[in-house]
Structure formats: structure tokens, C-alpha cells
Protein backbone atom coordinates (compact mmCIF):
# COMPACT_ATOMS: atom_id res chain seq x y z
CA UNK A 1 10.70 -9.98 -21.40
CA UNK A 2 10.98 -12.74 -24.02
CA UNK A 3 8.98 -12.30 -27.31
CA UNK A 4 8.88 -15.65 -28.69
CA UNK A 5 7.89 -16.69 -32.50
CA UNK A 6 4.49 -16.96 -31.67
CA UNK A 7 4.13 -13.61 -30.71
CA UNK A 8 5.93 -12.21 -33.30
CA UNK A 9 3.92 -14.07 -36.11
CA UNK A 10 0.77 -12.85 -34.56
CA UNK A 11 1.95 -9.63 -34.10
CA UNK A 12 2.98 -9.96 -38.09
CA UNK A 13 -0.30 -11.51 -39.20
CA UNK A 14 -2.53 -8.70 -37.80
CA UNK A 15 -0.60 -6.26 -39.80
CA UNK A 16 -0.72 -8.15 -42.81
CA UNK A 17 -3.91 -8.27 -42.57
CA UNK A 18 -4.79 -4.82 -41.70
CA UNK A 19 -2.74 -3.63 -45.15
CA UNK A 20 -4.37 -6.05 -47.43
CA UNK A 21 -8.16 -5.09 -45.99
CA UNK A 22 -6.79 -1.47 -46.64
CA UNK A 23 -5.20 -2.40 -49.93
CA UNK A 24 -8.91 -3.74 -51.20
CA UNK A 25 -10.63 -0.65 -49.66
CA UNK A 26 -13.02 -2.69 -46.97
CA UNK A 27 -14.18 -0.77 -44.27
CA UNK A 28 -13.71 -1.66 -40.56
CA UNK A 29 -10.31 -3.27 -41.07
CA UNK A 30 -10.00 -4.14 -37.43
CA UNK A 31 -12.21 -7.40 -38.28
CA UNK A 32 -9.53 -9.03 -40.50
CA UNK A 33 -6.82 -8.17 -37.81
CA UNK A 34 -8.89 -10.21 -35.07
CA UNK A 35 -9.68 -13.14 -37.39
CA UNK A 36 -5.77 -13.34 -38.20
CA UNK A 37 -5.15 -13.21 -34.23
CA UNK A 38 -7.47 -16.78 -33.74
CA UNK A 39 -6.02 -18.29 -36.92
CA UNK A 40 -2.17 -17.97 -35.96
CA UNK A 41 -1.13 -21.42 -35.19
CA UNK A 42 1.23 -23.17 -33.64
CA UNK A 43 3.41 -25.54 -36.50
CA UNK A 44 3.23 -25.28 -40.65
CA UNK A 45 1.70 -28.53 -40.37
CA UNK A 46 -1.12 -27.41 -37.82
CA UNK A 47 -1.49 -24.78 -40.42
CA UNK A 48 -2.53 -26.61 -43.72
CA UNK A 49 -4.74 -28.82 -41.34
CA UNK A 50 -7.02 -26.25 -39.92
CA UNK A 51 -6.30 -23.65 -43.10
CA UNK A 52 -9.58 -25.68 -44.71
CA UNK A 53 -11.59 -26.34 -41.80
CA UNK A 54 -11.18 -22.61 -40.63
CA UNK A 55 -12.85 -21.67 -44.35
CA UNK A 56 -15.54 -24.40 -43.56
CA UNK A 57 -16.80 -23.38 -40.54
CA UNK A 58 -16.37 -19.67 -41.56
CA UNK A 59 -18.67 -20.20 -44.20
CA UNK A 60 -21.06 -22.27 -42.15
CA UNK A 61 -21.15 -19.35 -39.65
CA UNK A 62 -21.36 -16.70 -42.14
CA UNK A 63 -24.71 -18.71 -44.29
CA UNK A 64 -26.44 -19.57 -40.69
CA UNK A 65 -26.11 -15.94 -40.04
CA UNK A 66 -27.21 -14.69 -42.75
CA UNK A 67 -30.60 -17.11 -43.49
CA UNK A 68 -31.47 -16.66 -39.60
CA UNK A 69 -31.04 -12.61 -39.76
CA UNK A 70 -33.18 -12.59 -43.25
CA UNK A 71 -35.73 -15.00 -41.80
CA UNK A 72 -36.00 -14.02 -37.98
CA UNK A 73 -34.06 -10.79 -37.53
CA UNK A 74 -31.31 -9.73 -35.57
CA UNK A 75 -32.87 -10.57 -31.70
CA UNK A 76 -30.13 -11.21 -29.37
CA UNK A 77 -31.95 -14.20 -29.34
CA UNK A 78 -31.48 -15.70 -32.30
CA UNK A 79 -27.88 -14.63 -32.58
CA UNK A 80 -27.71 -16.92 -29.32
CA UNK A 81 -29.43 -20.03 -31.45
CA UNK A 82 -27.66 -19.33 -34.29
CA UNK A 83 -24.53 -19.39 -32.46
CA UNK A 84 -25.56 -22.72 -31.25
CA UNK A 85 -26.50 -24.37 -33.95
CA UNK A 86 -23.09 -23.29 -35.71
CA UNK A 87 -21.65 -25.05 -33.32
CA UNK A 88 -23.75 -28.30 -33.50
CA UNK A 89 -23.04 -28.29 -37.07
CA UNK A 90 -19.36 -27.83 -36.90
CA UNK A 91 -19.36 -30.61 -34.40
CA UNK A 92 -21.06 -32.78 -36.49
CA UNK A 93 -18.65 -32.44 -39.10
CA UNK A 94 -16.07 -33.35 -37.00
CA UNK A 95 -14.01 -29.59 -38.01
CA UNK A 96 -11.11 -28.85 -35.69
CA UNK A 97 -12.77 -27.43 -32.30
CA UNK A 98 -10.13 -24.54 -32.72
CA UNK A 99 -12.34 -22.95 -35.64
CA UNK A 100 -15.60 -22.44 -33.47
CA UNK A 101 -14.70 -19.44 -31.75
CA UNK A 102 -13.45 -17.57 -35.42
CA UNK A 103 -17.00 -18.92 -36.68
CA UNK A 104 -18.79 -17.44 -33.68
CA UNK A 105 -17.40 -14.31 -33.77
CA UNK A 106 -18.50 -13.95 -37.73
CA UNK A 107 -21.56 -14.98 -36.64
CA UNK A 108 -21.78 -12.09 -34.32
CA UNK A 109 -19.99 -9.22 -36.76
CA UNK A 110 -22.81 -10.35 -39.19
CA UNK A 111 -25.80 -10.36 -37.51
CA UNK A 112 -24.77 -7.54 -35.12
CA UNK A 113 -25.37 -5.50 -37.08
CA UNK A 114 -28.59 -5.05 -38.73
CA UNK A 115 -28.29 -2.48 -41.93
CA UNK A 116 -30.68 -1.79 -45.15
CA UNK A 117 -27.95 -3.56 -47.70
CA UNK A 118 -27.83 -6.79 -45.17
CA UNK A 119 -26.33 -9.10 -47.99
CA UNK A 120 -23.62 -6.62 -48.99
CA UNK A 121 -22.65 -5.94 -45.09
CA UNK A 122 -22.28 -9.81 -44.32
CA UNK A 123 -20.20 -10.18 -47.75
CA UNK A 124 -17.78 -7.58 -46.62
CA UNK A 125 -17.67 -8.51 -43.29
CA UNK A 126 -16.80 -12.10 -44.32
CA UNK A 127 -14.05 -10.97 -46.75
CA UNK A 128 -12.45 -9.66 -43.87
CA UNK A 129 -12.79 -12.45 -42.02
CA UNK A 130 -11.22 -14.54 -44.35
CA UNK A 131 -8.32 -12.34 -45.23
CA UNK A 132 -7.84 -12.46 -41.60
CA UNK A 133 -7.85 -16.45 -41.93
CA UNK A 134 -5.16 -16.17 -45.11
CA UNK A 135 -2.71 -13.76 -43.99
CA UNK A 136 -2.35 -16.21 -40.68
CA UNK A 137 -1.77 -19.23 -43.20
CA UNK A 138 0.89 -16.71 -45.01
CA UNK A 139 2.47 -15.94 -41.84
CA UNK A 140 2.47 -19.35 -40.80
CA UNK A 141 3.46 -20.98 -43.99
CA UNK A 142 7.09 -18.43 -44.95
CA UNK A 143 7.44 -16.34 -41.65
CA UNK A 144 9.95 -18.14 -38.77
CA UNK A 145 8.77 -21.54 -39.36
CA UNK A 146 9.05 -23.13 -35.72
CA UNK A 147 12.21 -25.63 -34.50
CA UNK A 148 10.40 -28.04 -32.50
CA UNK A 149 12.91 -30.21 -32.68
CA UNK A 150 15.61 -28.18 -31.19
CA UNK A 151 13.20 -26.44 -28.64
CA UNK A 152 12.36 -29.92 -27.33
CA UNK A 153 15.76 -31.20 -27.23
CA UNK A 154 16.84 -28.31 -25.00
CA UNK A 155 13.61 -28.98 -22.58
CA UNK A 156 14.53 -32.51 -22.58
CA UNK A 157 18.31 -31.46 -21.82
CA UNK A 158 17.15 -29.03 -19.23
CA UNK A 159 14.96 -30.75 -17.29
CA UNK A 160 16.60 -34.01 -17.54
CA UNK A 161 19.89 -32.27 -16.06
CA UNK A 162 17.36 -30.82 -13.26
CA UNK A 163 15.82 -33.91 -11.94
CA UNK A 164 18.98 -35.93 -11.74
CA UNK A 165 20.68 -33.35 -9.73
CA UNK A 166 18.00 -33.71 -7.51
CA UNK A 167 18.53 -37.56 -7.37
CA UNK A 168 22.08 -36.74 -6.57
CA UNK A 169 21.30 -34.62 -3.41
CA UNK A 170 18.63 -36.90 -2.42
CA UNK A 171 21.14 -39.70 -2.07
CA UNK A 172 22.84 -38.10 -0.23
CA UNK A 173 21.08 -36.23 2.16
CA UNK A 174 21.53 -32.54 1.18
CA UNK A 175 18.01 -31.51 0.17
CA UNK A 176 16.35 -28.21 1.33
CA UNK A 177 13.16 -30.24 1.74
CA UNK A 178 10.74 -27.24 1.52
CA UNK A 179 12.51 -26.53 -2.18
CA UNK A 180 11.93 -30.09 -3.44
CA UNK A 181 8.30 -29.89 -2.56
CA UNK A 182 8.07 -26.98 -4.01
CA UNK A 183 9.96 -28.22 -7.38
CA UNK A 184 8.35 -30.97 -7.51
CA UNK A 185 5.07 -29.96 -9.02
CA UNK A 186 7.03 -27.25 -11.57
CA UNK A 187 8.78 -29.75 -13.20
CA UNK A 188 5.70 -32.21 -13.49
CA UNK A 189 3.94 -29.13 -15.28
CA UNK A 190 7.25 -29.09 -17.52
CA UNK A 191 6.97 -32.65 -18.72
CA UNK A 192 2.82 -31.68 -19.62
CA UNK A 193 4.73 -29.18 -21.35
CA UNK A 194 7.17 -30.98 -23.04
CA UNK A 195 4.66 -33.59 -23.96
CA UNK A 196 2.81 -30.94 -25.98
CA UNK A 197 5.99 -29.99 -27.81
CA UNK A 198 6.55 -33.39 -28.69
CA UNK A 199 2.92 -33.78 -30.54
CA UNK A 200 3.73 -30.64 -32.56
CA UNK A 201 7.35 -32.21 -33.48
CA UNK A 202 5.73 -35.32 -34.65
CA UNK A 203 3.01 -33.73 -36.59
CA UNK A 204 5.64 -32.02 -39.00
CA UNK A 205 5.92 -33.32 -42.05
CA UNK A 206 8.94 -33.86 -44.53
CA UNK A 207 8.41 -34.34 -48.08
CA UNK A 208 12.36 -35.84 -48.61
CA UNK A 209 12.42 -40.10 -48.20
CA UNK A 210 15.69 -39.57 -46.66
CA UNK A 211 14.80 -36.95 -43.68
CA UNK A 212 11.80 -38.64 -43.45
CA UNK A 213 13.72 -41.94 -42.37
CA UNK A 214 15.63 -39.71 -40.20
CA UNK A 215 12.30 -37.85 -38.67
CA UNK A 216 10.72 -41.37 -38.16
CA UNK A 217 13.50 -42.48 -36.18
CA UNK A 218 14.04 -39.03 -34.17
CA UNK A 219 10.57 -39.31 -33.35
CA UNK A 220 11.17 -42.89 -31.67
CA UNK A 221 14.36 -41.12 -30.11
CA UNK A 222 12.45 -38.70 -28.18
CA UNK A 223 10.01 -40.72 -27.34
CA UNK A 224 12.29 -42.54 -25.45
CA UNK A 225 14.15 -39.30 -24.44
CA UNK A 226 11.08 -38.46 -22.67
CA UNK A 227 10.20 -41.85 -20.77
CA UNK A 228 13.93 -42.10 -19.02
CA UNK A 229 13.39 -38.65 -18.06
CA UNK A 230 10.23 -39.45 -16.58
CA UNK A 231 11.54 -43.22 -15.05
CA UNK A 232 14.28 -40.69 -13.81
CA UNK A 233 11.70 -38.26 -11.80
CA UNK A 234 9.40 -40.95 -10.85
CA UNK A 235 12.84 -42.37 -8.69
CA UNK A 236 13.20 -38.72 -7.52
CA UNK A 237 9.60 -38.72 -5.79
CA UNK A 238 9.76 -42.27 -4.60
CA UNK A 239 13.14 -41.06 -2.62
CA UNK A 240 11.63 -38.09 -1.10
CA UNK A 241 8.53 -40.41 -0.44
CA UNK A 242 10.08 -43.24 1.14
CA UNK A 243 13.03 -41.16 2.36
CA UNK A 244 12.41 -42.22 6.19
CA UNK A 245 12.62 -45.67 5.05
CA UNK A 246 15.49 -45.61 3.04
CA UNK A 247 17.08 -44.00 6.00
CA UNK A 248 16.32 -47.11 8.06
CA UNK A 249 18.17 -49.64 5.68
CA UNK A 250 21.61 -50.58 6.44
CA UNK A 251 24.52 -48.15 5.50
CA UNK A 252 25.66 -50.95 2.64
CA UNK A 253 22.21 -51.20 1.05
CA UNK A 254 22.00 -47.23 1.02
CA UNK A 255 25.45 -46.30 -0.41
CA UNK A 256 24.59 -49.18 -2.90
CA UNK A 257 21.83 -47.32 -4.12
CA UNK A 258 23.37 -44.24 -4.07
CA UNK A 259 26.50 -45.74 -6.52
CA UNK A 260 24.25 -47.22 -8.67
CA UNK A 261 21.91 -43.71 -9.06
CA UNK A 262 25.24 -41.92 -9.40
CA UNK A 263 26.33 -44.57 -12.04
CA UNK A 264 22.52 -44.27 -14.05
CA UNK A 265 22.14 -40.43 -14.14
CA UNK A 266 25.64 -40.22 -15.50
CA UNK A 267 24.72 -42.74 -17.85
CA UNK A 268 21.79 -40.96 -18.67
CA UNK A 269 23.60 -37.40 -19.26
CA UNK A 270 26.39 -39.30 -21.60
CA UNK A 271 23.38 -40.68 -23.93
CA UNK A 272 22.36 -37.41 -24.35
CA UNK A 273 25.70 -35.68 -25.37
CA UNK A 274 26.44 -38.55 -27.51
CA UNK A 275 23.14 -37.63 -29.48
CA UNK A 276 24.60 -34.62 -29.89
CA UNK A 277 28.02 -35.74 -30.84
CA UNK A 278 30.16 -34.62 -28.20
CA UNK A 279 30.99 -38.31 -26.50
CA UNK A 280 32.58 -41.52 -28.25
CA UNK A 281 30.33 -44.79 -28.08
CA UNK A 282 33.09 -46.98 -26.37
CA UNK A 283 32.76 -45.23 -22.87
CA UNK A 284 29.25 -45.60 -23.25
CA UNK A 285 29.69 -49.24 -24.23
CA UNK A 286 31.67 -49.42 -20.99
CA UNK A 287 29.17 -47.76 -18.45
CA UNK A 288 26.22 -49.73 -19.74
CA UNK A 289 28.14 -52.72 -18.47
CA UNK A 290 28.96 -51.74 -15.16
CA UNK A 291 25.12 -50.06 -14.88
CA UNK A 292 24.31 -53.96 -16.14
CA UNK A 293 26.90 -55.29 -13.25
CA UNK A 294 25.24 -52.51 -10.36
CA UNK A 295 21.87 -53.52 -11.02
CA UNK A 296 22.51 -57.13 -10.23
CA UNK A 297 24.50 -56.34 -7.03
CA UNK A 298 21.84 -53.76 -5.88
CA UNK A 299 19.05 -56.31 -6.32
CA UNK A 300 21.22 -59.48 -4.79
CA UNK A 301 21.88 -57.70 -1.59
CA UNK A 302 17.93 -56.47 -1.29
CA UNK A 303 16.87 -59.92 -1.50
CA UNK A 304 19.89 -61.10 0.88
CA UNK A 305 18.92 -58.47 3.46
CA UNK A 306 15.11 -59.98 3.67
CA UNK A 307 16.23 -63.58 3.33
CA UNK A 308 19.18 -63.26 6.30
CA UNK A 309 16.24 -61.15 8.18
CA UNK A 310 18.55 -57.85 8.39
CA UNK A 311 15.32 -55.93 7.74
CA UNK A 312 11.16 -56.48 8.17
CA UNK A 313 8.68 -56.73 5.38
CA UNK A 314 6.98 -53.87 6.12
CA UNK A 315 10.50 -52.00 5.58
CA UNK A 316 11.32 -54.60 2.14
CA UNK A 317 7.73 -53.66 1.08
CA UNK A 318 8.40 -49.96 1.54
CA UNK A 319 11.51 -49.66 -0.17
CA UNK A 320 10.38 -52.46 -3.17
CA UNK A 321 9.08 -49.58 -5.30
CA UNK A 322 11.99 -47.73 -5.27
CA UNK A 323 14.37 -50.81 -6.37
CA UNK A 324 11.75 -51.72 -8.84
CA UNK A 325 12.08 -47.93 -10.76
CA UNK A 326 16.15 -48.06 -10.75
CA UNK A 327 15.92 -51.47 -12.75
CA UNK A 328 13.45 -50.06 -14.89
CA UNK A 329 15.32 -46.99 -15.47
CA UNK A 330 18.66 -49.08 -15.96
CA UNK A 331 16.69 -50.98 -18.93
CA UNK A 332 15.06 -47.54 -19.83
CA UNK A 333 18.70 -46.08 -20.41
CA UNK A 334 20.25 -48.96 -22.51
CA UNK A 335 17.03 -49.18 -24.59
CA UNK A 336 17.55 -45.52 -25.20
CA UNK A 337 21.40 -46.36 -25.91
CA UNK A 338 20.76 -48.82 -28.37
CA UNK A 339 18.54 -45.95 -30.25
CA UNK A 340 20.77 -43.43 -30.09
CA UNK A 341 23.82 -46.02 -31.52
CA UNK A 342 21.32 -47.44 -34.39
CA UNK A 343 20.57 -43.67 -35.04
CA UNK A 344 24.05 -42.74 -35.86
CA UNK A 345 24.49 -45.84 -37.82
CA UNK A 346 22.11 -45.00 -40.43
CA UNK A 347 22.06 -41.35 -40.26
CA UNK A 348 24.81 -39.27 -39.14
CA UNK A 349 24.87 -36.87 -40.79
CA UNK A 350 21.18 -35.63 -40.00
CA UNK A 351 21.62 -34.41 -36.11
CA UNK A 352 21.30 -30.84 -36.63
CA UNK A 353 21.22 -30.17 -32.60
CA UNK A 354 24.13 -28.55 -31.17
CA UNK A 355 24.42 -27.54 -27.15
CA UNK A 356 25.23 -25.21 -25.46
CA UNK A 357 28.28 -24.61 -23.50
CA UNK A 358 26.76 -25.00 -20.52
CA UNK A 359 24.50 -28.18 -20.67
CA UNK A 360 25.54 -30.56 -18.98
CA UNK A 361 28.10 -28.51 -17.21
CA UNK A 362 29.63 -30.38 -13.77
């Protein structure tokens, strides 16, 4: 079992909340621990973004709980009404929806325990909730700050590597179809996860001008890395879908598709290695020129086969999406290559990503 940074921070926030609550001599310190669990955030930026909303949402919940409890009592129906009213107010004020669960916990804790000294009880429970919120805030801020850039880059490398390997196997007709059918949905889910990591990375803020400029360029770079990976994945799915139609194409067309995809996948790998500082520019430039020539040869042959009636219209239409995706893939890689080169022209010392020895190994 692997313990990630967020798991560790959640545990640490609970420990801190419990110690602070006990130090301040609050009863039922576990309420602070519950609040800390809800309040932990995946990034420093979201920590700053949500702390104010958390405080506002919990004040709304506490005030409504006290007012309704003193006015109408502690009946379950009243608690349910307060919960609905609180959710409506929070949504109306456009606070973070992630603050709703903790606000509801505050309401239930306050209204679920009628006592003679209700105001003092409500204040105590609200204080415990705030201790948990601020404990989570401090842990998010000072302990194990997330490194979304490294995580995103390694995800891009690993997932791209897997997709490119599948493309090479498919074009050589060496695939286990059952395994491929199972892997395609899994790869797609991984890409959705990467989109979320990208958003977290995009949200991170730098407060030094030089680093802000480098970060802005990196955001664009990672966006294009994801786009190139998704285009390669689209090609894999297209080949899998039209495999029979591609097999029926003339041998020279099949060989040219395989050759061009071999070249583009290798070009794709070298661009990512270039970002990590593992390859020189000149070789990548040569590969771009060869890929351009291969694209021209592929499209010319594809048109010639139809013009000379070597394939019928139905075959041509079935293979057309694949040829179109290959052309778009080259254009995407060419754009990504230029962006990487531009980044190194201005921020050569800003890239701290390092590859493991086994990444992109043959």
C-alpha cells in the first residue's frame, strides 16, 4: 500500500486538530478532527481559495442552526429544513460547493444535541469546527507542498509511452486484441485523471516575475503535451476500429502508414526527452523534416490509389480518418517541438524535471 502526500496530510491535519482542541480544553475534540478531514485540499492555491469560503459557509450553518433551534426547536424535520436553507444560501452566494458538507456537519452537530446552555454549546462546537478547518489550512500550507508539475510530466511520459508502444504493435499486427480492448478504456480514464492534475498545476501561483513567465509557458507546453498524447490515442483507437479495412489496403500503403507512424512516435518520444534535456536540438529538427516528407508521401499515395482505382470509394472513406489523424498528429508534434525549443530559448534553467532511467527505454 502506497501512502500519498494527501493521505499523509489528512492524517497530520487530524492529529494537529485533536492536539489543539485538547490544548484549548474543548470537549468532544473529535469534531475538530472531522472538520479537518473535510477541509483538506489537493493544492496550496485551493487552500487559499477555499479557506474563506469554508469560514463563511460554516458561519452560515452555525447561525441558521442557532436561530432555528431557538425558534422552532430541535426536531428532525427542523434540522432537515435548516439543511435545505443552508444549501440554498451557500449556492446563492456562489461559495465553493465543497464547503457544503462541512457546513451541514456543523448544523447537525449544533442542532442534534439540545441542552440547557445551548448558546454556549453551539459556540463550543463551532469553535471545534473552525479549529479543524484551520488545522487543515496550516497543514496544506506548510507540509509537503504538492509537486503537480513532476506528477503531471511523469504521467504524460508513462501514458504516452504506453500509447506509442500499442501503436507500433498494432501497425505490425502483433497485438493481443483482448488486452488492447481492455487497455483502451483504462488509458482513457488515466487521461481524464491527467486533465485534473493539469488543472491543479494550472491553478498554482508563483509570485516572482521570472518564475511567473516560465510557469505561463509551461502551462501552454503541458497543454500541448496532453493534446499530442490524446491525438496519438485517437490514432490507436482509429487503427483498432478500422483494422480490417487497413489490412485490405495495398501493401505499399500499409508499409507507408507503419513507417510514418514509427517515425512520428519516435519523434514524439524525442520531443519529451528534449524537454527533459536528454537530446540535442539538431537531431529533433532533422526528424521534423523527415516527418514532413513522410506526411507528403503518405497523402500523395493515398490520393493516387483512389485516382487509379486501386481502392474503391468505401475503402478510401474508411481509411481517410486514419490518414487525417496522422496528418494532424504530425502538425501537433511540430507545434509542440517549436514550443519546447522556444521555452529553452528563454528559460533554460527553469526546467527541474528529471527522467528515471527506465523512462522511454527501448
